[in-house]
C-alpha atoms as a PDB file:
ATOM      1  CA  UNK A   1      -0.063   0.019  -0.031  1.00  0.00           C
ATOM      2  CA  UNK A   2       1.258   3.247  -0.902  1.00  0.00           C
ATOM      3  CA  UNK A   3       1.748   6.030   1.736  1.00  0.00           C
ATOM      4  CA  UNK A   4       0.204   9.406   0.726  1.00  0.00           C
ATOM      5  CA  UNK A   5       1.837  12.479   1.919  1.00  0.00           C
ATOM      6  CA  UNK A   6      -0.473  15.444   2.658  1.00  0.00           C
ATOM      7  CA  UNK A   7       0.829  18.665   1.231  1.00  0.00           C
ATOM      8  CA  UNK A   8      -0.439  20.112   4.672  1.00  0.00           C
ATOM      9  CA  UNK A   9       2.322  18.357   6.721  1.00  0.00           C
ATOM     10  CA  UNK A  10       5.744  19.536   7.213  1.00  0.00           C
ATOM     11  CA  UNK A  11       8.398  16.985   6.209  1.00  0.00           C
ATOM     12  CA  UNK A  12      11.566  16.988   8.457  1.00  0.00           C
ATOM     13  CA  UNK A  13      14.846  15.060   8.459  1.00  0.00           C
ATOM     14  CA  UNK A  14      17.399  15.463  11.192  1.00  0.00           C
ATOM     15  CA  UNK A  15      20.886  14.051  10.803  1.00  0.00           C
ATOM     16  CA  UNK A  16      24.147  14.344  12.542  1.00  0.00           C
ATOM     17  CA  UNK A  17      27.198  15.964  10.568  1.00  0.00           C
ATOM     18  CA  UNK A  18      29.792  18.470  10.323  1.00  0.00           C
ATOM     19  CA  UNK A  19      29.796  22.042   8.938  1.00  0.00           C
ATOM     20  CA  UNK A  20      31.447  20.494   5.895  1.00  0.00           C
ATOM     21  CA  UNK A  21      28.603  18.006   5.501  1.00  0.00           C
ATOM     22  CA  UNK A  22      26.148  20.719   5.884  1.00  0.00           C
ATOM     23  CA  UNK A  23      27.622  22.843   3.211  1.00  0.00           C
ATOM     24  CA  UNK A  24      27.539  19.677   0.804  1.00  0.00           C
ATOM     25  CA  UNK A  25      23.987  19.157   1.527  1.00  0.00           C
ATOM     26  CA  UNK A  26      23.083  22.879   1.063  1.00  0.00           C
ATOM     27  CA  UNK A  27      24.885  22.852  -2.332  1.00  0.00           C
ATOM     28  CA  UNK A  28      22.892  19.941  -3.284  1.00  0.00           C
ATOM     29  CA  UNK A  29      19.634  21.472  -2.433  1.00  0.00           C
ATOM     30  CA  UNK A  30      20.536  24.862  -4.103  1.00  0.00           C
ATOM     31  CA  UNK A  31      18.109  24.362  -6.904  1.00  0.00           C
ATOM     32  CA  UNK A  32      15.276  22.975  -4.699  1.00  0.00           C
ATOM     33  CA  UNK A  33      12.759  25.852  -3.828  1.00  0.00           C
ATOM     34  CA  UNK A  34      10.985  25.572  -0.557  1.00  0.00           C
ATOM     35  CA  UNK A  35      13.446  23.468   1.334  1.00  0.00           C
ATOM     36  CA  UNK A  36      14.818  25.011   4.461  1.00  0.00           C
ATOM     37  CA  UNK A  37      18.296  24.003   5.847  1.00  0.00           C
ATOM     38  CA  UNK A  38      19.775  24.666   9.126  1.00  0.00           C
ATOM     39  CA  UNK A  39      22.859  23.632  11.016  1.00  0.00           C
ATOM     40  CA  UNK A  40      23.737  23.800  14.777  1.00  0.00           C
ATOM     41  CA  UNK A  41      26.045  21.988  16.996  1.00  0.00           C
ATOM     42  CA  UNK A  42      26.656  19.024  14.790  1.00  0.00           C
ATOM     43  CA  UNK A  43      22.764  18.823  13.796  1.00  0.00           C
ATOM     44  CA  UNK A  44      21.577  19.431  10.337  1.00  0.00           C
ATOM     45  CA  UNK A  45      17.923  19.770   9.785  1.00  0.00           C
ATOM     46  CA  UNK A  46      16.267  19.505   6.357  1.00  0.00           C
ATOM     47  CA  UNK A  47      12.590  20.950   6.376  1.00  0.00           C
ATOM     48  CA  UNK A  48      10.105  20.946   3.544  1.00  0.00           C
ATOM     49  CA  UNK A  49       7.318  23.184   4.999  1.00  0.00           C
ATOM     50  CA  UNK A  50       3.837  21.997   4.493  1.00  0.00           C
ATOM     51  CA  UNK A  51       0.945  24.187   3.110  1.00  0.00           C
ATOM     52  CA  UNK A  52      -0.212  25.303   6.514  1.00  0.00           C
ATOM     53  CA  UNK A  53       3.236  26.148   7.631  1.00  0.00           C
ATOM     54  CA  UNK A  54       3.778  28.477   4.557  1.00  0.00           C
ATOM     55  CA  UNK A  55       0.303  29.943   4.928  1.00  0.00           C
ATOM     56  CA  UNK A  56       0.794  30.957   8.522  1.00  0.00           C
ATOM     57  CA  UNK A  57       4.216  32.212   7.686  1.00  0.00           C
ATOM     58  CA  UNK A  58       2.771  34.552   5.045  1.00  0.00           C
ATOM     59  CA  UNK A  59       0.040  35.668   7.258  1.00  0.00           C
ATOM     60  CA  UNK A  60       2.329  36.659   9.958  1.00  0.00           C
ATOM     61  CA  UNK A  61       4.597  38.333   7.525  1.00  0.00           C
ATOM     62  CA  UNK A  62       1.827  40.339   5.927  1.00  0.00           C
ATOM     63  CA  UNK A  63       0.417  41.557   9.321  1.00  0.00           C
ATOM     64  CA  UNK A  64       3.898  42.695  10.666  1.00  0.00           C
ATOM     65  CA  UNK A  65       4.665  44.365   7.291  1.00  0.00           C
ATOM     66  CA  UNK A  66       1.372  46.057   7.483  1.00  0.00           C
ATOM     67  CA  UNK A  67       1.959  47.256  10.939  1.00  0.00           C
ATOM     68  CA  UNK A  68       5.351  48.656  10.178  1.00  0.00           C
ATOM     69  CA  UNK A  69       4.189  50.353   7.078  1.00  0.00           C
ATOM     70  CA  UNK A  70       1.305  52.044   8.908  1.00  0.00           C
ATOM     71  CA  UNK A  71       3.413  53.461  11.710  1.00  0.00           C
ATOM     72  CA  UNK A  72       6.315  54.678   9.315  1.00  0.00           C
ATOM     73  CA  UNK A  73       9.132  52.698  10.660  1.00  0.00           C
ATOM     74  CA  UNK A  74      11.944  52.062   8.196  1.00  0.00           C
ATOM     75  CA  UNK A  75      12.549  48.381   7.790  1.00  0.00           C
ATOM     76  CA  UNK A  76      13.762  45.621   5.422  1.00  0.00           C
ATOM     77  CA  UNK A  77      11.772  42.483   5.219  1.00  0.00           C
ATOM     78  CA  UNK A  78      14.516  39.709   4.632  1.00  0.00           C
ATOM     79  CA  UNK A  79      11.898  36.662   4.593  1.00  0.00           C
ATOM     80  CA  UNK A  80      13.666  33.256   4.766  1.00  0.00           C
ATOM     81  CA  UNK A  81      17.042  34.630   4.076  1.00  0.00           C
ATOM     82  CA  UNK A  82      19.909  32.298   5.356  1.00  0.00           C
ATOM     83  CA  UNK A  83      21.461  33.749   8.571  1.00  0.00           C
ATOM     84  CA  UNK A  84      24.873  32.395   9.371  1.00  0.00           C
ATOM     85  CA  UNK A  85      27.712  32.231  11.638  1.00  0.00           C
ATOM     86  CA  UNK A  86      30.251  30.223   9.547  1.00  0.00           C
ATOM     87  CA  UNK A  87      31.414  27.006  11.124  1.00  0.00           C
ATOM     88  CA  UNK A  88      28.920  27.200  13.855  1.00  0.00           C
ATOM     89  CA  UNK A  89      25.308  27.789  12.798  1.00  0.00           C
ATOM     90  CA  UNK A  90      23.151  28.610   9.925  1.00  0.00           C
ATOM     91  CA  UNK A  91      19.361  29.078   9.892  1.00  0.00           C
ATOM     92  CA  UNK A  92      16.416  30.131   7.703  1.00  0.00           C
ATOM     93  CA  UNK A  93      13.590  31.708   9.694  1.00  0.00           C
ATOM     94  CA  UNK A  94      10.100  31.760   8.238  1.00  0.00           C
ATOM     95  CA  UNK A  95      10.046  35.458   8.204  1.00  0.00           C
ATOM     96  CA  UNK A  96      12.704  37.849   9.335  1.00  0.00           C
ATOM     97  CA  UNK A  97      13.128  41.741   9.388  1.00  0.00           C
ATOM     98  CA  UNK A  98      15.836  44.427   9.654  1.00  0.00           C
ATOM     99  CA  UNK A  99      14.771  47.445  11.494  1.00  0.00           C
ATOM    100  CA  UNK A 100      16.311  50.447   9.929  1.00  0.00           C
ATOM    101  CA  UNK A 101      19.011  49.457   7.491  1.00  0.00           C
ATOM    102  CA  UNK A 102      19.783  46.097   6.102  1.00  0.00           C
ATOM    103  CA  UNK A 103      22.154  43.924   8.606  1.00  0.00           C
ATOM    104  CA  UNK A 104      23.749  40.441   7.822  1.00  0.00           C
ATOM    105  CA  UNK A 105      21.774  39.245  10.904  1.00  0.00           C
ATOM    106  CA  UNK A 106      18.196  40.470  10.956  1.00  0.00           C
ATOM    107  CA  UNK A 107      16.734  42.136  14.262  1.00  0.00           C
ATOM    108  CA  UNK A 108      13.742  39.892  14.223  1.00  0.00           C
ATOM    109  CA  UNK A 109      13.287  36.276  13.171  1.00  0.00           C
ATOM    110  CA  UNK A 110       9.826  34.650  13.231  1.00  0.00           C
ATOM    111  CA  UNK A 111       9.246  30.933  13.128  1.00  0.00           C
ATOM    112  CA  UNK A 112       6.155  28.810  12.522  1.00  0.00           C
ATOM    113  CA  UNK A 113       6.235  25.609  14.296  1.00  0.00           C
ATOM    114  CA  UNK A 114       4.044  22.654  13.246  1.00  0.00           C
ATOM    115  CA  UNK A 115       6.428  19.591  13.477  1.00  0.00           C
ATOM    116  CA  UNK A 116       9.275  20.468  15.817  1.00  0.00           C
ATOM    117  CA  UNK A 117      11.402  23.281  16.760  1.00  0.00           C
ATOM    118  CA  UNK A 118       9.974  26.110  18.866  1.00  0.00           C
ATOM    119  CA  UNK A 119      12.011  27.269  21.948  1.00  0.00           C
ATOM    120  CA  UNK A 120      14.912  24.615  21.286  1.00  0.00           C
ATOM    121  CA  UNK A 121      15.963  26.623  18.239  1.00  0.00           C
ATOM    122  CA  UNK A 122      16.810  29.555  20.699  1.00  0.00           C
ATOM    123  CA  UNK A 123      20.316  28.319  20.988  1.00  0.00           C
ATOM    124  CA  UNK A 124      20.840  28.449  17.236  1.00  0.00           C
ATOM    125  CA  UNK A 125      19.495  32.060  17.025  1.00  0.00           C
ATOM    126  CA  UNK A 126      21.697  33.021  20.195  1.00  0.00           C
ATOM    127  CA  UNK A 127      24.765  31.736  18.391  1.00  0.00           C
ATOM    128  CA  UNK A 128      23.823  34.011  15.357  1.00  0.00           C
ATOM    129  CA  UNK A 129      23.044  36.888  17.647  1.00  0.00           C
ATOM    130  CA  UNK A 130      19.439  37.598  16.533  1.00  0.00           C
ATOM    131  CA  UNK A 131      17.975  40.259  18.913  1.00  0.00           C
ATOM    132  CA  UNK A 132      14.552  38.933  18.900  1.00  0.00           C
ATOM    133  CA  UNK A 133      12.763  35.762  18.029  1.00  0.00           C
ATOM    134  CA  UNK A 134       9.030  34.989  17.850  1.00  0.00           C
ATOM    135  CA  UNK A 135       7.453  31.492  17.641  1.00  0.00           C
ATOM    136  CA  UNK A 136       3.823  30.980  16.316  1.00  0.00           C
ATOM    137  CA  UNK A 137       2.779  27.393  17.785  1.00  0.00           C
ATOM    138  CA  UNK A 138      -0.524  25.969  18.666  1.00  0.00           C
ATOM    139  CA  UNK A 139      -2.161  29.235  18.165  1.00  0.00           C
ATOM    140  CA  UNK A 140       0.122  31.156  20.404  1.00  0.00           C
ATOM    141  CA  UNK A 141       2.674  33.734  19.823  1.00  0.00           C
ATOM    142  CA  UNK A 142       5.507  33.703  22.032  1.00  0.00           C
ATOM    143  CA  UNK A 143       8.282  36.406  21.960  1.00  0.00           C
ATOM    144  CA  UNK A 144      11.910  36.143  23.151  1.00  0.00           C
ATOM    145  CA  UNK A 145      14.496  38.994  23.404  1.00  0.00           C
ATOM    146  CA  UNK A 146      18.301  38.314  23.631  1.00  0.00           C
ATOM    147  CA  UNK A 147      19.933  39.328  26.963  1.00  0.00           C
ATOM    148  CA  UNK A 148      23.655  38.788  27.868  1.00  0.00           C
ATOM    149  CA  UNK A 149      22.772  35.422  29.625  1.00  0.00           C
ATOM    150  CA  UNK A 150      20.410  34.129  26.868  1.00  0.00           C
ATOM    151  CA  UNK A 151      16.722  34.718  25.568  1.00  0.00           C
ATOM    152  CA  UNK A 152      14.134  35.939  27.928  1.00  0.00           C
ATOM    153  CA  UNK A 153      10.340  35.575  27.257  1.00  0.00           C
ATOM    154  CA  UNK A 154       8.755  38.937  26.897  1.00  0.00           C
ATOM    155  CA  UNK A 155       5.076  40.024  26.485  1.00  0.00           C
ATOM    156  CA  UNK A 156       5.866  42.922  23.986  1.00  0.00           C
ATOM    157  CA  UNK A 157       8.614  43.381  21.396  1.00  0.00           C
ATOM    158  CA  UNK A 158      11.469  45.562  22.440  1.00  0.00           C
ATOM    159  CA  UNK A 159      12.518  46.452  18.930  1.00  0.00           C
ATOM    160  CA  UNK A 160      11.880  50.045  17.762  1.00  0.00           C
ATOM    161  CA  UNK A 161       8.680  50.457  16.327  1.00  0.00           C
ATOM    162  CA  UNK A 162       7.417  46.797  17.087  1.00  0.00           C
ATOM    163  CA  UNK A 163       7.248  47.847  20.678  1.00  0.00           C
ATOM    164  CA  UNK A 164       4.115  49.564  19.862  1.00  0.00           C
ATOM    165  CA  UNK A 165       2.403  46.492  18.371  1.00  0.00           C
ATOM    166  CA  UNK A 166      -0.430  44.962  20.404  1.00  0.00           C
ATOM    167  CA  UNK A 167       0.689  41.332  20.481  1.00  0.00           C
ATOM    168  CA  UNK A 168      -2.809  40.136  21.527  1.00  0.00           C
ATOM    169  CA  UNK A 169      -4.413  41.944  18.557  1.00  0.00           C
ATOM    170  CA  UNK A 170      -1.737  40.363  16.117  1.00  0.00           C
ATOM    171  CA  UNK A 171      -2.427  36.897  17.713  1.00  0.00           C
ATOM    172  CA  UNK A 172      -6.142  37.202  17.443  1.00  0.00           C
ATOM    173  CA  UNK A 173      -5.941  38.205  13.737  1.00  0.00           C
ATOM    174  CA  UNK A 174      -3.627  35.292  12.957  1.00  0.00           C
ATOM    175  CA  UNK A 175      -6.452  33.048  14.378  1.00  0.00           C
ATOM    176  CA  UNK A 176      -9.064  34.846  12.428  1.00  0.00           C
ATOM    177  CA  UNK A 177      -6.882  34.175   9.149  1.00  0.00           C
ATOM    178  CA  UNK A 178      -7.255  30.540   9.772  1.00  0.00           C
ATOM    179  CA  UNK A 179     -10.805  30.731   8.281  1.00  0.00           C
ATOM    180  CA  UNK A 180     -10.761  34.179   6.624  1.00  0.00           C
ATOM    181  CA  UNK A 181      -7.621  36.018   5.528  1.00  0.00           C
ATOM    182  CA  UNK A 182      -9.627  39.101   4.329  1.00  0.00           C
ATOM    183  CA  UNK A 183     -11.339  39.573   7.624  1.00  0.00           C
ATOM    184  CA  UNK A 184      -8.120  39.066   9.446  1.00  0.00           C
ATOM    185  CA  UNK A 185      -6.507  41.940   7.574  1.00  0.00           C
ATOM    186  CA  UNK A 186      -9.461  44.160   7.695  1.00  0.00           C
ATOM    187  CA  UNK A 187      -9.642  43.676  11.533  1.00  0.00           C
ATOM    188  CA  UNK A 188      -5.966  44.313  11.992  1.00  0.00           C
ATOM    189  CA  UNK A 189      -5.980  47.535   9.784  1.00  0.00           C
ATOM    190  CA  UNK A 190      -8.962  48.997  11.628  1.00  0.00           C
ATOM    191  CA  UNK A 191      -7.316  48.247  15.006  1.00  0.00           C
ATOM    192  CA  UNK A 192      -3.925  49.609  14.446  1.00  0.00           C
END
């Protein structure tokens, strides 16, 4: 009996390897759109996000971008850009942003979690020096800001401009988008 893979499900493979192994795998996937690769501490992750994963990534990105445009903050959306600290770590967030000018490491990385990851990815982002990381998992948005001793969970962003974003409103609108994207956007725009 053939196994049917749903396009809604993330497909993930985690293997052990060196930075050199990771670079070879990365080269092999260079022409494969939609695959996200990461490396940290001898662990290589190959992720093919499912349809729901991609949908929520875009919803969150759209709403955050809408907010930043509305309040007039200068920013650069960098999407799933590869962030790396050679020989140590490499990651591709689902969405990422530089506040102000472009930087090699964005100020904000956003992760949508369906299969694995979540806060255990914070070590990887700490090695990169990403100031703030947000996780969308099980209908909840959790924010973490980098301190000297690691990430601390916060209730509100500490990044310029995003510190004015009502996280409860954002979370509510992401949930509305599960059934009606247009209503989510309209609700969000009317409330900011």
